[in-house]
Amino acid sequence: MGINFYPVFLDEHFRDQYEEMRRRLKPQIDSIRARHRGRAGEAAFEVDKFVGLHAESLDVPTIDRLLDHIDHAVQIMGIDHVGLGSDFDGISVLPRP
């Protein structure tokens, strides 16, 4: 199993805040996508950058929360079955240090 570093998967409180923020930012996100129509990768990059700037004001979980997930997975499955699937290339925010 790969542990994903995306805070939306690590903390329910953050996920709720993040989803609400995305709803509020929908008009701006749609505008970014429209400016990059036909260039999906570029649009996704710009949206992630825009959303990431706004997400910093939320209660982003810390690296300790990520480590808790890793520890839990190791306890359940054993160390030989846990990997790190950071997804650095497709997330807008990372756990705080």
N, C-alpha and C. Protein backbone atom coordinates (compact mmCIF):
# COMPACT_ATOMS: atom_id res chain seq x y z
N MET A 1 0.85 -1.17 0.00
CA MET A 1 0.00 0.00 0.00
C MET A 1 0.89 1.23 0.00
N GLY A 2 0.57 2.19 -0.82
CA GLY A 2 1.32 3.45 -0.86
C GLY A 2 0.62 4.51 -0.03
N ILE A 3 1.34 5.13 0.88
CA ILE A 3 0.80 6.20 1.70
C ILE A 3 0.89 7.50 0.90
N ASN A 4 -0.25 8.12 0.67
CA ASN A 4 -0.31 9.37 -0.06
C ASN A 4 -0.11 10.54 0.91
N PHE A 5 0.66 11.54 0.53
CA PHE A 5 0.98 12.66 1.40
C PHE A 5 -0.08 13.78 1.37
N TYR A 6 -1.06 13.67 0.50
CA TYR A 6 -2.08 14.71 0.32
C TYR A 6 -2.89 14.89 1.60
N PRO A 7 -2.85 16.07 2.23
CA PRO A 7 -3.54 16.28 3.49
C PRO A 7 -5.04 15.97 3.46
N VAL A 8 -5.66 16.06 2.30
CA VAL A 8 -7.08 15.74 2.17
C VAL A 8 -7.33 14.28 2.57
N PHE A 9 -6.33 13.42 2.34
CA PHE A 9 -6.45 12.00 2.70
C PHE A 9 -6.00 11.73 4.14
N LEU A 10 -5.36 12.69 4.76
CA LEU A 10 -4.78 12.48 6.09
C LEU A 10 -5.65 12.97 7.23
N ASP A 11 -6.54 13.93 6.96
CA ASP A 11 -7.25 14.58 8.06
C ASP A 11 -8.64 15.03 7.61
N GLU A 12 -9.66 14.50 8.26
CA GLU A 12 -11.04 14.80 7.88
C GLU A 12 -11.39 16.28 8.07
N HIS A 13 -10.92 16.89 9.16
CA HIS A 13 -11.19 18.32 9.39
C HIS A 13 -10.61 19.17 8.25
N PHE A 14 -9.37 18.87 7.89
CA PHE A 14 -8.77 19.61 6.78
C PHE A 14 -9.55 19.38 5.49
N ARG A 15 -9.93 18.12 5.24
CA ARG A 15 -10.69 17.81 4.01
C ARG A 15 -11.96 18.64 3.93
N ASP A 16 -12.68 18.77 5.03
CA ASP A 16 -13.91 19.57 5.04
C ASP A 16 -13.60 21.04 4.73
N GLN A 17 -12.57 21.58 5.35
CA GLN A 17 -12.17 22.97 5.09
C GLN A 17 -11.76 23.15 3.62
N TYR A 18 -11.00 22.19 3.12
CA TYR A 18 -10.49 22.26 1.76
C TYR A 18 -11.62 22.22 0.74
N GLU A 19 -12.57 21.32 0.95
CA GLU A 19 -13.70 21.22 0.02
C GLU A 19 -14.53 22.50 0.03
N GLU A 20 -14.74 23.09 1.20
CA GLU A 20 -15.47 24.35 1.28
C GLU A 20 -14.70 25.46 0.56
N MET A 21 -13.40 25.52 0.75
CA MET A 21 -12.57 26.52 0.07
C MET A 21 -12.68 26.34 -1.44
N ARG A 22 -12.61 25.09 -1.92
CA ARG A 22 -12.72 24.82 -3.36
C ARG A 22 -14.07 25.28 -3.90
N ARG A 23 -15.13 25.10 -3.13
CA ARG A 23 -16.46 25.59 -3.57
C ARG A 23 -16.46 27.11 -3.70
N ARG A 24 -15.86 27.79 -2.73
CA ARG A 24 -15.80 29.25 -2.78
C ARG A 24 -14.95 29.75 -3.95
N LEU A 25 -13.91 29.01 -4.27
CA LEU A 25 -12.99 29.43 -5.33
C LEU A 25 -13.39 28.92 -6.72
N LYS A 26 -14.50 28.23 -6.82
CA LYS A 26 -14.90 27.61 -8.09
C LYS A 26 -14.91 28.60 -9.27
N PRO A 27 -15.46 29.80 -9.12
CA PRO A 27 -15.43 30.72 -10.27
C PRO A 27 -14.01 31.03 -10.75
N GLN A 28 -13.09 31.25 -9.82
CA GLN A 28 -11.71 31.55 -10.21
C GLN A 28 -11.04 30.30 -10.82
N ILE A 29 -11.32 29.13 -10.27
CA ILE A 29 -10.76 27.88 -10.80
C ILE A 29 -11.28 27.65 -12.22
N ASP A 30 -12.58 27.86 -12.42
CA ASP A 30 -13.15 27.70 -13.76
C ASP A 30 -12.51 28.68 -14.74
N SER A 31 -12.22 29.88 -14.29
CA SER A 31 -11.59 30.89 -15.15
C SER A 31 -10.17 30.45 -15.54
N ILE A 32 -9.43 29.91 -14.59
CA ILE A 32 -8.08 29.41 -14.88
C ILE A 32 -8.16 28.30 -15.92
N ARG A 33 -9.08 27.38 -15.73
CA ARG A 33 -9.23 26.27 -16.69
C ARG A 33 -9.61 26.79 -18.08
N ALA A 34 -10.46 27.80 -18.13
CA ALA A 34 -10.89 28.36 -19.41
C ALA A 34 -9.71 29.01 -20.14
N ARG A 35 -8.84 29.69 -19.38
CA ARG A 35 -7.66 30.32 -20.00
C ARG A 35 -6.70 29.30 -20.58
N HIS A 36 -6.73 28.07 -20.06
CA HIS A 36 -5.80 27.03 -20.49
C HIS A 36 -6.52 25.90 -21.22
N ARG A 37 -7.67 26.22 -21.80
CA ARG A 37 -8.47 25.21 -22.51
C ARG A 37 -7.61 24.52 -23.57
N GLY A 38 -7.72 23.20 -23.60
CA GLY A 38 -6.95 22.43 -24.57
C GLY A 38 -5.56 22.06 -24.08
N ARG A 39 -5.18 22.56 -22.90
CA ARG A 39 -3.88 22.26 -22.30
C ARG A 39 -4.12 21.79 -20.87
N ALA A 40 -4.62 20.57 -20.75
CA ALA A 40 -5.08 20.05 -19.46
C ALA A 40 -3.97 20.05 -18.40
N GLY A 41 -2.78 19.63 -18.75
CA GLY A 41 -1.69 19.60 -17.78
C GLY A 41 -1.33 20.97 -17.26
N GLU A 42 -1.28 21.93 -18.17
CA GLU A 42 -0.98 23.31 -17.78
C GLU A 42 -2.08 23.87 -16.89
N ALA A 43 -3.33 23.60 -17.25
CA ALA A 43 -4.47 24.06 -16.45
C ALA A 43 -4.41 23.47 -15.05
N ALA A 44 -4.15 22.17 -14.95
CA ALA A 44 -4.09 21.51 -13.64
C ALA A 44 -2.98 22.10 -12.79
N PHE A 45 -1.83 22.38 -13.40
CA PHE A 45 -0.71 22.98 -12.67
C PHE A 45 -1.10 24.35 -12.12
N GLU A 46 -1.71 25.17 -12.95
CA GLU A 46 -2.10 26.52 -12.53
C GLU A 46 -3.18 26.48 -11.45
N VAL A 47 -4.13 25.56 -11.58
CA VAL A 47 -5.18 25.42 -10.55
C VAL A 47 -4.54 24.99 -9.24
N ASP A 48 -3.66 23.99 -9.28
CA ASP A 48 -3.00 23.54 -8.05
C ASP A 48 -2.21 24.67 -7.39
N LYS A 49 -1.53 25.46 -8.18
CA LYS A 49 -0.76 26.57 -7.63
C LYS A 49 -1.69 27.60 -6.96
N PHE A 50 -2.79 27.94 -7.63
CA PHE A 50 -3.76 28.89 -7.10
C PHE A 50 -4.40 28.36 -5.81
N VAL A 51 -4.86 27.12 -5.85
CA VAL A 51 -5.51 26.52 -4.69
C VAL A 51 -4.52 26.40 -3.53
N GLY A 52 -3.29 26.01 -3.84
CA GLY A 52 -2.26 25.86 -2.80
C GLY A 52 -2.01 27.15 -2.03
N LEU A 53 -2.02 28.26 -2.74
CA LEU A 53 -1.83 29.55 -2.06
C LEU A 53 -2.94 29.81 -1.06
N HIS A 54 -4.16 29.49 -1.43
CA HIS A 54 -5.31 29.70 -0.54
C HIS A 54 -5.38 28.65 0.57
N ALA A 55 -4.92 27.44 0.30
CA ALA A 55 -4.98 26.36 1.29
C ALA A 55 -4.06 26.62 2.48
N GLU A 56 -3.03 27.42 2.29
CA GLU A 56 -2.09 27.70 3.39
C GLU A 56 -2.79 28.36 4.58
N SER A 57 -3.93 28.99 4.36
CA SER A 57 -4.65 29.64 5.46
C SER A 57 -5.53 28.66 6.24
N LEU A 58 -5.61 27.41 5.79
CA LEU A 58 -6.42 26.40 6.46
C LEU A 58 -5.60 25.67 7.53
N ASP A 59 -6.27 24.81 8.28
CA ASP A 59 -5.60 24.00 9.30
C ASP A 59 -4.94 22.79 8.65
N VAL A 60 -3.87 23.03 7.93
CA VAL A 60 -3.16 21.96 7.22
C VAL A 60 -2.51 21.05 8.27
N PRO A 61 -2.75 19.74 8.18
CA PRO A 61 -2.12 18.84 9.15
C PRO A 61 -0.60 18.83 9.02
N THR A 62 0.05 18.46 10.09
CA THR A 62 1.51 18.45 10.10
C THR A 62 2.05 17.10 9.62
N ILE A 63 3.34 17.07 9.47
CA ILE A 63 4.03 15.85 9.08
C ILE A 63 3.79 14.74 10.11
N ASP A 64 3.54 15.12 11.36
CA ASP A 64 3.25 14.12 12.40
C ASP A 64 2.00 13.30 12.05
N ARG A 65 1.03 13.95 11.44
CA ARG A 65 -0.19 13.23 11.04
C ARG A 65 0.15 12.21 9.95
N LEU A 66 0.99 12.60 9.03
CA LEU A 66 1.44 11.68 7.99
C LEU A 66 2.18 10.49 8.61
N LEU A 67 3.05 10.76 9.57
CA LEU A 67 3.78 9.69 10.23
C LEU A 67 2.85 8.75 10.99
N ASP A 68 1.78 9.31 11.57
CA ASP A 68 0.77 8.46 12.23
C ASP A 68 0.14 7.49 11.24
N HIS A 69 -0.14 7.97 10.04
CA HIS A 69 -0.72 7.10 9.00
C HIS A 69 0.25 5.99 8.61
N ILE A 70 1.51 6.36 8.47
CA ILE A 70 2.52 5.36 8.11
C ILE A 70 2.63 4.31 9.22
N ASP A 71 2.72 4.76 10.47
CA ASP A 71 2.82 3.83 11.60
C ASP A 71 1.61 2.90 11.65
N HIS A 72 0.44 3.46 11.46
CA HIS A 72 -0.78 2.64 11.51
C HIS A 72 -0.76 1.57 10.40
N ALA A 73 -0.40 1.97 9.21
CA ALA A 73 -0.36 1.02 8.10
C ALA A 73 0.66 -0.09 8.37
N VAL A 74 1.81 0.26 8.92
CA VAL A 74 2.84 -0.73 9.23
C VAL A 74 2.33 -1.70 10.30
N GLN A 75 1.63 -1.17 11.29
CA GLN A 75 1.08 -2.04 12.35
C GLN A 75 0.03 -3.01 11.79
N ILE A 76 -0.76 -2.56 10.85
CA ILE A 76 -1.83 -3.39 10.28
C ILE A 76 -1.28 -4.41 9.28
N MET A 77 -0.40 -3.96 8.38
CA MET A 77 0.02 -4.80 7.26
C MET A 77 1.44 -5.33 7.36
N GLY A 78 2.25 -4.71 8.17
CA GLY A 78 3.66 -5.07 8.23
C GLY A 78 4.47 -4.17 7.32
N ILE A 79 5.70 -3.96 7.71
CA ILE A 79 6.57 -3.00 7.01
C ILE A 79 6.82 -3.37 5.55
N ASP A 80 6.78 -4.66 5.23
CA ASP A 80 7.04 -5.08 3.85
C ASP A 80 5.93 -4.74 2.88
N HIS A 81 4.80 -4.26 3.40
CA HIS A 81 3.64 -3.99 2.55
C HIS A 81 3.25 -2.51 2.52
N VAL A 82 4.11 -1.65 3.03
CA VAL A 82 3.82 -0.22 3.07
C VAL A 82 4.88 0.54 2.29
N GLY A 83 4.43 1.37 1.37
CA GLY A 83 5.33 2.21 0.59
C GLY A 83 4.88 3.65 0.68
N LEU A 84 5.69 4.52 0.14
CA LEU A 84 5.36 5.95 0.12
C LEU A 84 4.94 6.33 -1.28
N GLY A 85 3.70 6.78 -1.42
CA GLY A 85 3.17 7.21 -2.71
C GLY A 85 2.86 8.69 -2.64
N SER A 86 3.88 9.49 -2.54
CA SER A 86 3.75 10.91 -2.20
C SER A 86 2.79 11.69 -3.08
N ASP A 87 2.71 11.40 -4.36
CA ASP A 87 1.87 12.14 -5.30
C ASP A 87 2.28 13.61 -5.40
N PHE A 88 3.58 13.88 -5.26
CA PHE A 88 4.05 15.26 -5.31
C PHE A 88 3.69 15.97 -6.60
N ASP A 89 3.47 15.23 -7.66
CA ASP A 89 3.20 15.86 -8.95
C ASP A 89 1.73 16.17 -9.19
N GLY A 90 0.88 16.02 -8.20
CA GLY A 90 -0.53 16.28 -8.45
C GLY A 90 -1.31 16.75 -7.24
N ILE A 91 -0.64 17.38 -6.29
CA ILE A 91 -1.33 17.88 -5.11
C ILE A 91 -1.02 19.36 -4.92
N SER A 92 -1.98 20.06 -4.34
CA SER A 92 -1.83 21.51 -4.22
C SER A 92 -1.26 21.95 -2.87
N VAL A 93 -1.21 21.05 -1.91
CA VAL A 93 -0.71 21.41 -0.59
C VAL A 93 -0.10 20.15 0.05
N LEU A 94 0.94 20.37 0.85
CA LEU A 94 1.63 19.28 1.56
C LEU A 94 1.43 19.45 3.06
N PRO A 95 1.64 18.38 3.83
CA PRO A 95 1.60 18.55 5.29
C PRO A 95 2.61 19.59 5.74
N ARG A 96 2.28 20.27 6.79
CA ARG A 96 3.21 21.26 7.34
C ARG A 96 4.36 20.54 8.07
N PRO A 97 5.54 21.16 8.08
CA PRO A 97 6.66 20.56 8.81
C PRO A 97 6.38 20.50 10.31
